[in-house]
Amino acid sequence: PLLEANGLSRSISLLGDDARASRPLVELSKKAAKRPHRNLGGASAAEGPAEGSSSRSFASSSSLGGEPPAADWPLQWLVLPPPPNVSAAAAAKCDADAAVRLEHVRGAFKRAWSAYRAYAWGADEVKPVSNRSHNWLRLGATLVDCLDNLWLFDMKEEFAEAQEWVATKLVLSHSAPGISMFETVIRILGGLLSAFELSAEPVFLRKAQEVADHMMYAFDANPATGLPCQTISFSSHKTCSFASWTGHAAVLAEYGTIQLEFKYLAQKTGLRKYWDVAERPMLLLHSLPKPHDLYPTFINPQTGRWSSEKFTFGALADSFYEYLIKQWLITNKKETYLREMFDDAMIGMAKLLVQRSSPSQLVYIADWSGTGLHHKMDHLACFAGAMLAIGAQDGHKFDKEYMALALALGDTCYEMYARTASGLSPEYVNFVRGKDMQTPRGASYNIGRPEAVETFFVLWCAAPLYTARWHAWLRTAHSARCLCWSALLPLMPAGSTHLCVHCALQLIPQACVHGSPAHLRACSRYTPCTGKHAYIIMRALPPSIRSLSVTLDS
């Protein structure tokens, strides 16, 4: 009933039917492509959803009747509609369904973990088809990345076994000779710190500090800017390089996605050195001229000058914007310059990049090539709904405008799943005039990315009547479409058989969405990131760090 009141009536079973499961991901389903699009305000809740309808339009102020946007907000056509009326009985039914679905999510994670334990213990990944292991960091990426999952799913025996592996088998000198600093930070350092936050086991903080110490040399390679190397090593031969495909430039989403981990480590150890190296790239960005108040994807690591004119909220930039608001949040909102950078960027995004499709008026974030818009949206950019909703909670000028945009983007990301025959989103979609979103051949695969489900989770927390927990249940399509011999297999092009770490990690926000109010209260103490780790909000900073924050604020 809750879903029907929202005009979101759809049923996706856990296992699905064989015929549907065998269809390709490439094309939109014929039914989805033909169905009409309906405004939320176009029919009352009592009338129920229009035939074949599954989405709402936030792009028509005349029919929604919401409070108009602030006069200086760029998107005057985008209005936050009034929330639908939901009965107590409908809400209770939704809660009951959530309890059942929570157990399905727990079971999916247990299955994936058991496969990893049986076939790839200590390796970075398991190959679900061949039941073989795959290494690219040689740091036990799945094991370390999933420590917090084990704890939150109350798999304490498995957690203890994994903890023992970290204590005795995580040897940094055994890592691959050239590894991505970005991936090592978000997966290894982040996994260890999140495990420490939840369990308070000292071994995780000790190992995290060891990992960070092995990375510190990377920040010294470019003394004029402090931008860290892209590729590093933990051996005695200290590799430091930038990829040729970037023109040997530093990537925004990499040097701008290390701050939560290093600042958290600084807070827990009281050592300012970790804070300083993470803060310096942010201060550099703060000082630079920003065309359209946005941040180009590439920068020269030696000179600190932009080397690209491209703007995107997808690949190469996505997590920088995600971390921008969360850096402000994790430091208990003390570093006000971060909030200013965030708000300026949101206005720049709204002015330049936010577009509407036709005929359905789906709201999306386009890319900017330097000379014009590219009407494409990556699944990676689906994090933006969560980002905006987080930014709309503190009584700032554009709170309602941020929330209206967050909900509209959430709907678009939902449609990226609902409009495919498989129920799984492609890697990206193109928006074509008169045809809404289209899946190009090169995007017809799914690797279990977590961005959309994070947005569904955060929007459920911030505006549950608008979204319904059922949104996140779409992710159980992974169980229907991706079950393999030993785990969950992303729908990839032929020949790709790795279990991406995302497939297991995405289950955490699903569990929270399908959990109880008690789960929500526990989650509210933390700053989650799309990499699926949680860091406690710093209620107080150590004295050595507090002085830095005061200096920045002044």
Protein backbone atom coordinates (compact mmCIF):
# COMPACT_ATOMS: atom_id res chain seq x y z
CA PRO A 1 0.00 0.00 0.00
CA LEU A 2 2.78 2.43 0.79
CA LEU A 3 4.31 1.82 -2.60
CA GLU A 4 1.02 2.20 -4.41
CA ALA A 5 0.38 5.47 -2.61
CA ASN A 6 3.70 6.68 -3.98
CA GLY A 7 2.90 5.52 -7.48
CA LEU A 8 5.71 3.00 -7.22
CA SER A 9 3.92 -0.30 -7.59
CA ARG A 10 6.29 -2.97 -8.85
CA SER A 11 7.23 -6.43 -7.73
CA ILE A 12 10.68 -7.94 -8.02
CA SER A 13 10.98 -11.38 -6.48
CA LEU A 14 14.17 -12.46 -4.79
CA LEU A 15 14.87 -15.25 -7.25
CA GLY A 16 13.06 -13.95 -10.34
CA ASP A 17 11.86 -16.09 -13.25
CA ASP A 18 14.25 -17.95 -15.50
CA ALA A 19 13.06 -16.29 -18.68
CA ARG A 20 13.51 -12.78 -17.32
CA ALA A 21 16.87 -13.65 -15.78
CA SER A 22 18.20 -14.80 -19.13
CA ARG A 23 17.42 -11.57 -20.98
CA PRO A 24 20.31 -9.28 -21.88
CA LEU A 25 21.01 -6.15 -19.91
CA VAL A 26 21.65 -4.12 -23.05
CA GLU A 27 18.16 -3.01 -24.00
CA LEU A 28 15.42 -1.23 -22.11
CA SER A 29 12.47 -3.51 -21.51
CA LYS A 30 9.73 -2.90 -24.07
CA LYS A 31 7.17 -2.27 -21.35
CA ALA A 32 9.38 0.26 -19.61
CA ALA A 33 10.20 2.04 -22.85
CA LYS A 34 6.52 2.43 -23.76
CA ARG A 35 4.97 3.28 -20.42
CA PRO A 36 3.79 6.83 -19.77
CA HIS A 37 5.45 9.04 -17.19
CA ARG A 38 3.24 10.44 -14.45
CA ASN A 39 3.69 13.40 -12.13
CA LEU A 40 3.28 12.63 -8.47
CA GLY A 41 0.73 15.40 -8.29
CA GLY A 42 -1.21 14.07 -11.28
CA ALA A 43 -3.33 11.63 -9.29
CA SER A 44 -4.35 11.27 -5.69
CA ALA A 45 -3.06 8.45 -3.53
CA ALA A 46 -6.54 6.97 -3.50
CA GLU A 47 -6.55 6.69 -7.29
CA GLY A 48 -3.42 4.52 -7.23
CA PRO A 49 -0.65 4.49 -9.81
CA ALA A 50 -1.16 4.95 -13.50
CA GLU A 51 -0.96 1.77 -15.54
CA GLY A 52 2.66 0.74 -15.98
CA SER A 53 3.93 3.71 -13.99
CA SER A 54 6.94 3.43 -11.73
CA SER A 55 8.38 6.90 -11.34
CA ARG A 56 7.53 10.48 -10.41
CA SER A 57 8.41 13.74 -12.05
CA PHE A 58 9.85 16.52 -9.93
CA ALA A 59 10.24 18.79 -12.92
CA SER A 60 6.81 20.41 -13.12
CA SER A 61 6.15 23.13 -10.57
CA SER A 62 2.63 23.82 -11.86
CA SER A 63 1.27 20.39 -11.00
CA LEU A 64 3.17 19.69 -7.80
CA GLY A 65 2.16 22.81 -5.95
CA GLY A 66 5.23 22.85 -3.69
CA GLU A 67 6.87 25.90 -2.23
CA PRO A 68 8.78 27.71 -5.00
CA PRO A 69 12.58 27.64 -4.95
CA ALA A 70 14.64 30.53 -3.67
CA ALA A 71 14.84 33.29 -6.28
CA ASP A 72 18.58 32.86 -6.83
CA TRP A 73 18.47 29.05 -7.15
CA PRO A 74 19.33 28.13 -10.76
CA LEU A 75 16.67 25.42 -11.16
CA GLN A 76 13.43 27.35 -10.89
CA TRP A 77 11.56 24.50 -12.58
CA LEU A 78 12.48 22.00 -9.86
CA VAL A 79 10.14 22.05 -6.84
CA LEU A 80 10.05 19.85 -3.77
CA PRO A 81 6.55 18.36 -3.77
CA PRO A 82 4.52 17.84 -0.59
CA PRO A 83 5.03 14.35 0.86
CA PRO A 84 2.36 11.76 0.12
CA ASN A 85 -0.07 10.68 2.82
CA VAL A 86 0.85 7.24 4.18
CA SER A 87 -1.42 5.35 6.55
CA ALA A 88 -0.16 3.69 9.73
CA ALA A 89 -1.20 0.32 8.31
CA ALA A 90 0.82 0.89 5.16
CA ALA A 91 3.88 1.91 7.16
CA ALA A 92 3.54 -1.17 9.39
CA LYS A 93 3.32 -3.41 6.33
CA CYS A 94 6.47 -1.81 4.94
CA ASP A 95 8.29 -2.47 8.23
CA ALA A 96 7.19 -6.10 8.24
CA ASP A 97 8.42 -6.58 4.68
CA ALA A 98 11.71 -4.93 5.61
CA ALA A 99 12.35 -7.45 8.38
CA VAL A 100 12.04 -10.32 5.89
CA ARG A 101 14.20 -8.56 3.33
CA LEU A 102 16.89 -7.86 5.92
CA GLU A 103 17.36 -11.59 6.33
CA HIS A 104 17.67 -12.02 2.57
CA VAL A 105 20.41 -9.39 2.56
CA ARG A 106 22.19 -11.09 5.43
CA GLY A 107 21.96 -14.42 3.59
CA ALA A 108 23.39 -12.92 0.40
CA PHE A 109 26.40 -11.59 2.27
CA LYS A 110 26.95 -14.89 4.09
CA ARG A 111 26.91 -16.71 0.77
CA ALA A 112 29.46 -14.34 -0.75
CA TRP A 113 31.70 -14.50 2.31
CA SER A 114 31.56 -18.29 2.45
CA ALA A 115 32.67 -18.46 -1.17
CA TYR A 116 35.56 -16.11 -0.53
CA ARG A 117 36.51 -18.10 2.57
CA ALA A 118 36.47 -21.40 0.66
CA TYR A 119 38.15 -20.40 -2.59
CA ALA A 120 40.18 -17.21 -2.15
CA TRP A 121 41.04 -16.77 1.52
CA GLY A 122 43.61 -14.00 1.90
CA ALA A 123 43.47 -13.01 -1.78
CA ASP A 124 42.02 -9.77 -3.07
CA GLU A 125 39.06 -11.32 -4.90
CA VAL A 126 37.35 -14.59 -5.73
CA LYS A 127 36.42 -15.61 -9.28
CA PRO A 128 32.92 -17.05 -8.88
CA VAL A 129 32.89 -19.07 -12.13
CA SER A 130 36.25 -20.81 -11.81
CA ASN A 131 36.43 -20.69 -7.98
CA ARG A 132 39.91 -19.25 -8.23
CA SER A 133 41.48 -16.25 -6.56
CA HIS A 134 42.61 -13.00 -8.13
CA ASN A 135 45.13 -10.49 -6.78
CA TRP A 136 45.81 -6.90 -7.78
CA LEU A 137 46.93 -5.39 -4.44
CA ARG A 138 48.01 -8.60 -2.68
CA LEU A 139 46.62 -7.15 0.53
CA GLY A 140 43.55 -9.29 1.08
CA ALA A 141 41.26 -6.56 -0.24
CA THR A 142 37.96 -8.43 0.13
CA LEU A 143 38.82 -9.61 3.62
CA VAL A 144 39.90 -6.20 4.89
CA ASP A 145 37.14 -4.35 3.06
CA CYS A 146 34.47 -6.60 4.56
CA LEU A 147 35.57 -6.49 8.20
CA ASP A 148 32.89 -3.95 9.08
CA ASN A 149 30.28 -6.00 7.20
CA LEU A 150 31.11 -9.04 9.33
CA TRP A 151 30.74 -7.00 12.49
CA LEU A 152 27.46 -5.36 11.48
CA PHE A 153 25.96 -8.67 10.35
CA ASP A 154 26.91 -10.12 13.77
CA MET A 155 29.19 -12.71 12.21
CA LYS A 156 31.57 -12.50 15.15
CA GLU A 157 33.29 -15.87 14.63
CA GLU A 158 34.10 -14.97 11.05
CA PHE A 159 35.21 -11.54 12.21
CA ALA A 160 37.61 -13.08 14.73
CA GLU A 161 39.08 -15.33 12.04
CA ALA A 162 39.56 -12.37 9.71
CA GLN A 163 41.10 -10.36 12.55
CA GLU A 164 43.64 -13.12 13.10
CA TRP A 165 44.55 -12.98 9.40
CA VAL A 166 45.09 -9.23 9.62
CA ALA A 167 47.26 -9.63 12.71
CA THR A 168 49.46 -12.40 11.30
CA LYS A 169 49.18 -12.43 7.50
CA LEU A 170 48.73 -8.81 6.38
CA VAL A 171 52.36 -8.15 5.49
CA LEU A 172 52.82 -4.96 3.52
CA SER A 173 56.10 -6.03 1.94
CA HIS A 174 54.19 -8.85 0.23
CA SER A 175 52.00 -6.42 -1.69
CA ALA A 176 52.10 -5.99 -5.46
CA PRO A 177 55.05 -3.96 -6.78
CA GLY A 178 52.92 -1.07 -8.09
CA ILE A 179 49.56 -0.42 -6.44
CA SER A 180 46.95 2.30 -6.62
CA MET A 181 47.23 4.66 -3.69
CA PHE A 182 43.56 5.58 -4.03
CA GLU A 183 42.36 1.95 -3.94
CA THR A 184 44.68 1.15 -1.05
CA VAL A 185 43.38 4.08 0.96
CA ILE A 186 39.67 3.45 0.47
CA ARG A 187 39.84 -0.35 0.78
CA ILE A 188 42.74 -1.25 3.05
CA LEU A 189 43.18 1.84 5.22
CA GLY A 190 39.42 2.46 5.24
CA GLY A 191 38.61 -1.15 6.02
CA LEU A 192 41.01 -1.27 8.94
CA LEU A 193 39.83 2.02 10.42
CA SER A 194 36.16 1.14 10.12
CA ALA A 195 36.84 -2.23 11.80
CA PHE A 196 38.64 -0.40 14.60
CA GLU A 197 35.78 2.05 15.05
CA LEU A 198 33.25 -0.76 15.42
CA SER A 199 35.27 -3.28 17.41
CA ALA A 200 37.86 -1.14 19.28
CA GLU A 201 40.42 -3.89 18.62
CA PRO A 202 43.88 -2.21 18.75
CA VAL A 203 45.33 -4.41 16.00
CA PHE A 204 43.27 -2.61 13.38
CA LEU A 205 44.48 0.84 14.37
CA ARG A 206 48.04 -0.42 14.57
CA LYS A 207 47.86 -1.94 11.10
CA ALA A 208 46.14 1.16 9.72
CA GLN A 209 48.94 3.34 11.04
CA GLU A 210 51.48 1.00 9.46
CA VAL A 211 49.71 1.28 6.09
CA ALA A 212 49.53 5.08 6.34
CA ASP A 213 53.18 5.36 7.33
CA HIS A 214 54.16 3.40 4.24
CA MET A 215 52.24 5.92 2.14
CA MET A 216 53.63 9.11 3.60
CA TYR A 217 56.51 9.32 1.12
CA ALA A 218 53.97 9.71 -1.70
CA PHE A 219 52.99 13.16 -0.40
CA ASP A 220 56.61 14.37 -0.56
CA ALA A 221 57.07 13.63 -4.26
CA ASN A 222 55.55 16.96 -5.33
CA PRO A 223 56.68 19.44 -2.66
CA ALA A 224 55.14 22.48 -4.36
CA THR A 225 51.62 21.03 -4.22
CA GLY A 226 51.60 18.10 -1.79
CA LEU A 227 49.62 16.03 -4.30
CA PRO A 228 50.37 12.34 -3.69
CA CYS A 229 51.54 9.83 -6.26
CA GLN A 230 48.97 7.81 -8.13
CA THR A 231 50.92 4.54 -8.11
CA ILE A 232 52.99 3.59 -5.06
CA SER A 233 54.68 0.56 -3.54
CA PHE A 234 55.28 -0.79 -0.06
CA SER A 235 58.63 -2.36 -0.93
CA SER A 236 62.03 -0.86 -0.31
CA HIS A 237 61.94 0.49 -3.88
CA LYS A 238 59.48 3.38 -3.52
CA THR A 239 57.50 3.60 -6.74
CA CYS A 240 55.93 6.97 -7.46
CA SER A 241 54.25 7.62 -10.78
CA PHE A 242 51.21 8.98 -12.60
CA ALA A 243 49.46 7.17 -15.43
CA SER A 244 50.23 8.08 -19.02
CA TRP A 245 46.52 7.97 -19.96
CA THR A 246 45.98 11.01 -17.70
CA GLY A 247 48.89 12.87 -19.26
CA HIS A 248 50.73 12.16 -15.99
CA ALA A 249 48.17 14.34 -14.20
CA ALA A 250 46.69 13.82 -10.76
CA VAL A 251 43.03 12.71 -10.78
CA LEU A 252 40.49 14.70 -8.76
CA ALA A 253 38.65 11.62 -7.50
CA GLU A 254 41.91 10.13 -6.21
CA TYR A 255 43.75 12.90 -4.38
CA GLY A 256 40.37 14.23 -3.21
CA THR A 257 39.23 10.91 -1.74
CA ILE A 258 41.77 10.24 0.98
CA GLN A 259 40.76 12.86 3.52
CA LEU A 260 38.20 10.96 5.59
CA GLU A 261 40.64 8.11 6.21
CA PHE A 262 43.70 10.20 7.03
CA LYS A 263 41.78 12.70 9.16
CA TYR A 264 40.11 9.90 11.09
CA LEU A 265 43.51 8.29 11.67
CA ALA A 266 44.86 11.62 12.90
CA GLN A 267 41.95 11.95 15.31
CA LYS A 268 42.43 8.45 16.72
CA THR A 269 46.22 8.62 17.03
CA GLY A 270 46.54 12.32 17.89
CA LEU A 271 49.23 12.61 15.23
CA ARG A 272 48.85 15.77 13.18
CA LYS A 273 51.05 14.53 10.33
CA TYR A 274 48.21 12.45 8.90
CA TRP A 275 45.87 15.42 9.02
CA ASP A 276 48.35 17.77 7.38
CA VAL A 277 49.07 15.61 4.33
CA ALA A 278 45.36 15.08 3.65
CA GLU A 279 44.47 18.73 4.24
CA ARG A 280 47.09 20.20 1.95
CA PRO A 281 45.42 19.14 -1.34
CA MET A 282 42.15 20.61 -0.05
CA LEU A 283 43.81 23.93 0.75
CA LEU A 284 45.35 23.92 -2.72
CA LEU A 285 41.94 23.41 -4.32
CA HIS A 286 40.46 26.11 -2.11
CA SER A 287 43.06 28.59 -3.36
CA LEU A 288 42.74 27.85 -7.08
CA PRO A 289 40.44 29.63 -9.52
CA LYS A 290 37.46 27.39 -10.16
CA PRO A 291 35.74 27.76 -13.52
CA HIS A 292 31.96 27.59 -12.98
CA ASP A 293 32.76 26.91 -9.29
CA LEU A 294 33.52 23.31 -10.25
CA TYR A 295 36.73 21.28 -10.28
CA PRO A 296 38.34 19.90 -13.45
CA THR A 297 39.20 16.22 -13.46
CA PHE A 298 42.97 16.61 -13.97
CA ILE A 299 45.63 18.81 -12.37
CA ASN A 300 49.38 19.04 -12.89
CA PRO A 301 50.84 17.51 -9.70
CA GLN A 302 54.03 19.56 -9.93
CA THR A 303 52.62 23.02 -10.63
CA GLY A 304 49.12 22.74 -9.18
CA ARG A 305 47.54 24.08 -12.38
CA TRP A 306 44.49 22.56 -14.01
CA SER A 307 45.35 20.38 -17.00
CA SER A 308 41.80 19.60 -18.09
CA GLU A 309 38.62 21.53 -18.81
CA LYS A 310 36.29 18.59 -18.17
CA PHE A 311 33.70 18.62 -15.37
CA THR A 312 31.83 15.53 -14.31
CA PHE A 313 30.18 13.96 -11.29
CA GLY A 314 30.96 10.54 -12.72
CA ALA A 315 34.27 8.73 -13.16
CA LEU A 316 37.42 10.72 -12.32
CA ALA A 317 35.62 13.21 -10.05
CA ASP A 318 32.70 11.55 -8.24
CA SER A 319 34.08 10.73 -4.81
CA PHE A 320 35.80 14.12 -4.44
CA TYR A 321 32.39 15.80 -4.24
CA GLU A 322 31.10 13.01 -2.00
CA TYR A 323 33.97 13.51 0.44
CA LEU A 324 33.66 17.30 0.35
CA ILE A 325 30.46 17.44 2.40
CA LYS A 326 31.49 14.46 4.51
CA GLN A 327 34.80 16.05 5.47
CA TRP A 328 32.83 18.96 6.85
CA LEU A 329 30.48 16.56 8.63
CA ILE A 330 33.09 14.22 10.12
CA THR A 331 34.94 17.14 11.72
CA ASN A 332 31.68 18.13 13.45
CA LYS A 333 31.18 20.99 10.97
CA LYS A 334 34.25 22.86 12.20
CA GLU A 335 36.03 23.39 8.86
CA THR A 336 33.66 25.94 7.38
CA TYR A 337 35.68 26.46 4.21
CA LEU A 338 34.75 22.92 3.17
CA ARG A 339 31.07 23.72 3.47
CA GLU A 340 31.60 26.84 1.37
CA MET A 341 33.40 24.83 -1.30
CA PHE A 342 30.54 22.35 -1.31
CA ASP A 343 27.78 24.94 -1.61
CA ASP A 344 29.59 26.78 -4.38
CA ALA A 345 30.05 23.52 -6.28
CA MET A 346 26.38 22.59 -5.90
CA ILE A 347 25.30 25.91 -7.39
CA GLY A 348 27.84 25.48 -10.19
CA MET A 349 26.53 21.98 -10.88
CA ALA A 350 22.93 23.21 -10.94
CA LYS A 351 23.76 26.05 -13.32
CA LEU A 352 25.88 24.11 -15.79
CA LEU A 353 25.27 20.38 -15.57
CA VAL A 354 21.76 19.56 -14.32
CA GLN A 355 19.44 18.73 -17.22
CA ARG A 356 16.03 17.17 -17.95
CA SER A 357 15.26 14.36 -20.35
CA SER A 358 12.37 14.17 -22.76
CA PRO A 359 9.68 13.04 -22.70
CA SER A 360 9.80 11.87 -19.06
CA GLN A 361 11.56 14.90 -17.57
CA LEU A 362 14.08 12.74 -15.74
CA VAL A 363 16.64 14.91 -13.99
CA TYR A 364 20.30 14.04 -14.57
CA ILE A 365 23.81 15.43 -14.24
CA ALA A 366 25.51 15.80 -17.62
CA ASP A 367 29.27 16.03 -18.24
CA TRP A 368 31.01 19.16 -19.53
CA SER A 369 33.70 18.54 -22.15
CA GLY A 370 35.19 22.04 -21.99
CA THR A 371 33.17 23.27 -24.95
CA GLY A 372 29.74 21.76 -24.42
CA LEU A 373 27.55 19.27 -22.57
CA HIS A 374 27.76 15.53 -23.02
CA HIS A 375 24.31 14.20 -22.14
CA LYS A 376 25.52 11.14 -20.29
CA MET A 377 25.26 10.06 -16.66
CA ASP A 378 27.40 7.39 -15.03
CA HIS A 379 25.98 5.09 -12.40
CA LEU A 380 28.87 6.45 -10.34
CA ALA A 381 27.09 9.83 -10.31
CA CYS A 382 24.14 8.28 -8.47
CA PHE A 383 25.95 9.10 -5.23
CA ALA A 384 24.82 12.71 -5.76
CA GLY A 385 21.37 12.13 -4.31
CA ALA A 386 22.91 11.13 -1.00
CA MET A 387 25.42 13.97 -1.16
CA LEU A 388 22.69 16.58 -1.64
CA ALA A 389 20.44 15.09 1.03
CA ILE A 390 23.31 15.18 3.53
CA GLY A 391 23.92 18.80 2.59
CA ALA A 392 20.25 19.66 3.17
CA GLN A 393 20.10 18.95 6.90
CA ASP A 394 21.61 22.00 8.56
CA GLY A 395 19.37 24.99 7.97
CA HIS A 396 21.35 26.37 5.07
CA LYS A 397 19.90 28.62 2.42
CA PHE A 398 19.19 25.98 -0.23
CA ASP A 399 18.14 23.03 1.95
CA LYS A 400 14.79 22.46 0.24
CA GLU A 401 16.34 22.98 -3.18
CA TYR A 402 19.05 20.42 -2.42
CA MET A 403 16.43 17.95 -1.23
CA ALA A 404 14.26 18.44 -4.32
CA LEU A 405 17.27 17.76 -6.54
CA ALA A 406 18.34 14.78 -4.41
CA LEU A 407 14.92 13.15 -4.75
CA ALA A 408 14.78 13.84 -8.47
CA LEU A 409 18.21 12.27 -9.02
CA GLY A 410 17.18 9.34 -6.84
CA ASP A 411 14.23 8.76 -9.15
CA THR A 412 16.47 8.87 -12.21
CA CYS A 413 18.88 6.36 -10.68
CA TYR A 414 15.93 4.15 -9.78
CA GLU A 415 14.85 4.29 -13.44
CA MET A 416 18.34 3.21 -14.49
CA TYR A 417 17.44 -0.12 -12.87
CA ALA A 418 13.70 -0.29 -13.50
CA ARG A 419 13.95 0.33 -17.25
CA THR A 420 16.22 -2.62 -18.01
CA ALA A 421 15.01 -6.14 -18.70
CA SER A 422 17.32 -7.53 -16.01
CA GLY A 423 16.43 -5.02 -13.28
CA LEU A 424 20.11 -4.04 -13.08
CA SER A 425 21.57 -0.69 -14.00
CA PRO A 426 24.05 -0.32 -16.86
CA GLU A 427 27.41 1.32 -16.20
CA TYR A 428 26.14 4.57 -17.69
CA VAL A 429 23.31 5.88 -19.84
CA ASN A 430 23.04 8.47 -22.59
CA PHE A 431 20.10 10.85 -22.69
CA VAL A 432 18.64 11.26 -26.17
CA ARG A 433 16.03 13.88 -26.98
CA GLY A 434 12.61 12.28 -27.17
CA LYS A 435 13.88 8.88 -25.95
CA ASP A 436 14.91 9.52 -22.34
CA MET A 437 17.81 7.31 -21.27
CA GLN A 438 19.46 4.88 -23.65
CA THR A 439 22.06 2.22 -22.88
CA PRO A 440 24.99 2.33 -25.32
CA ARG A 441 26.62 -0.95 -26.24
CA GLY A 442 29.78 -0.13 -24.32
CA ALA A 443 27.82 0.37 -21.08
CA SER A 444 25.84 -2.87 -21.07
CA TYR A 445 27.33 -4.37 -17.95
CA ASN A 446 26.88 -4.10 -14.20
CA ILE A 447 29.63 -4.54 -11.60
CA GLY A 448 27.51 -4.13 -8.49
CA ARG A 449 28.32 -0.50 -7.84
CA PRO A 450 26.96 0.87 -4.55
CA GLU A 451 26.21 4.51 -5.40
CA ALA A 452 22.46 4.21 -6.06
CA VAL A 453 21.77 2.18 -2.95
CA GLU A 454 23.64 4.73 -0.84
CA THR A 455 21.34 7.41 -2.22
CA PHE A 456 18.27 5.27 -1.51
CA PHE A 457 19.51 4.72 2.04
CA VAL A 458 20.27 8.36 2.79
CA LEU A 459 17.03 9.54 1.21
CA TRP A 460 15.10 7.01 3.27
CA CYS A 461 16.77 8.44 6.37
CA ALA A 462 16.12 12.04 5.35
CA ALA A 463 12.74 11.77 3.63
CA PRO A 464 11.18 8.32 4.14
CA LEU A 465 7.69 9.27 2.98
CA TYR A 466 9.02 10.32 -0.41
CA THR A 467 11.11 7.29 -1.14
CA ALA A 468 9.91 4.13 0.62
CA ARG A 469 12.39 1.49 1.72
CA TRP A 470 11.26 -0.61 -1.21
CA HIS A 471 13.51 1.41 -3.50
CA ALA A 472 16.57 -0.34 -2.12
CA TRP A 473 14.94 -3.73 -2.62
CA LEU A 474 15.78 -3.31 -6.28
CA ARG A 475 19.28 -4.33 -5.31
CA THR A 476 18.10 -7.87 -4.61
CA ALA A 477 17.99 -8.20 -8.38
CA HIS A 478 21.68 -8.98 -7.88
CA SER A 479 20.63 -12.17 -6.11
CA ALA A 480 18.30 -13.04 -8.97
CA ARG A 481 20.66 -12.21 -11.83
CA CYS A 482 24.15 -12.71 -10.46
CA LEU A 483 24.08 -15.97 -8.49
CA CYS A 484 26.93 -18.15 -9.65
CA TRP A 485 28.69 -21.30 -8.49
CA SER A 486 30.29 -19.68 -5.50
CA ALA A 487 29.10 -16.11 -5.09
CA LEU A 488 27.58 -13.10 -6.79
CA LEU A 489 28.88 -12.44 -10.29
CA PRO A 490 28.52 -8.96 -11.76
CA LEU A 491 26.91 -8.89 -15.21
CA MET A 492 30.04 -8.08 -17.18
CA PRO A 493 31.11 -8.41 -20.80
CA ALA A 494 32.08 -11.90 -21.91
CA GLY A 495 35.26 -13.15 -20.28
CA SER A 496 35.00 -11.03 -17.12
CA THR A 497 34.68 -13.35 -14.14
CA HIS A 498 35.85 -11.45 -11.07
CA LEU A 499 33.71 -10.88 -8.03
CA CYS A 500 34.10 -7.14 -7.56
CA VAL A 501 34.40 -6.12 -3.93
CA HIS A 502 31.41 -3.80 -4.46
CA CYS A 503 29.06 -6.81 -4.72
CA ALA A 504 29.59 -7.68 -1.08
CA LEU A 505 29.98 -4.15 0.21
CA GLN A 506 26.75 -2.83 -1.25
CA LEU A 507 24.84 -5.03 1.18
CA ILE A 508 25.58 -2.84 4.18
CA PRO A 509 23.28 0.07 3.29
CA GLN A 510 20.66 -2.44 2.18
CA ALA A 511 20.77 -3.89 5.66
CA CYS A 512 20.33 -0.44 7.19
CA VAL A 513 17.47 0.43 4.86
CA HIS A 514 15.68 -2.78 5.74
CA GLY A 515 16.50 -2.48 9.43
CA SER A 516 14.67 -1.13 12.43
CA PRO A 517 14.63 2.39 13.90
CA ALA A 518 17.35 1.17 16.26
CA HIS A 519 19.56 0.43 13.26
CA LEU A 520 18.90 3.91 11.97
CA ARG A 521 19.85 5.54 15.27
CA ALA A 522 23.12 3.61 15.29
CA CYS A 523 23.85 4.55 11.70
CA SER A 524 23.18 8.23 12.41
CA ARG A 525 26.31 8.47 14.56
CA TYR A 526 28.53 7.76 11.60
CA THR A 527 29.59 9.34 8.35
CA PRO A 528 29.20 6.58 5.73
CA CYS A 529 31.07 6.78 2.44
CA THR A 530 30.22 5.11 -0.81
CA GLY A 531 33.16 2.73 -0.34
CA LYS A 532 30.92 1.40 2.44
CA HIS A 533 32.99 2.25 5.48
CA ALA A 534 31.72 4.26 8.41
CA TYR A 535 33.67 6.82 10.42
CA ILE A 536 32.48 8.26 13.71
CA ILE A 537 31.70 11.97 13.63
CA MET A 538 34.44 13.74 15.59
CA ARG A 539 32.73 15.42 18.52
CA ALA A 540 36.07 16.82 19.65
CA LEU A 541 39.42 17.09 17.93
CA PRO A 542 42.75 16.39 19.65
CA PRO A 543 44.56 19.59 20.70
CA SER A 544 47.26 19.21 18.03
CA ILE A 545 44.57 19.11 15.34
CA ARG A 546 42.10 21.51 16.92
CA SER A 547 44.52 24.39 16.52
CA LEU A 548 44.72 23.75 12.78
CA SER A 549 40.94 23.79 12.47
CA VAL A 550 40.69 27.10 14.33
CA THR A 551 43.32 28.60 12.05
CA LEU A 552 41.42 27.52 8.96
CA ASP A 553 38.12 28.86 10.26
CA SER A 554 39.63 32.24 11.01
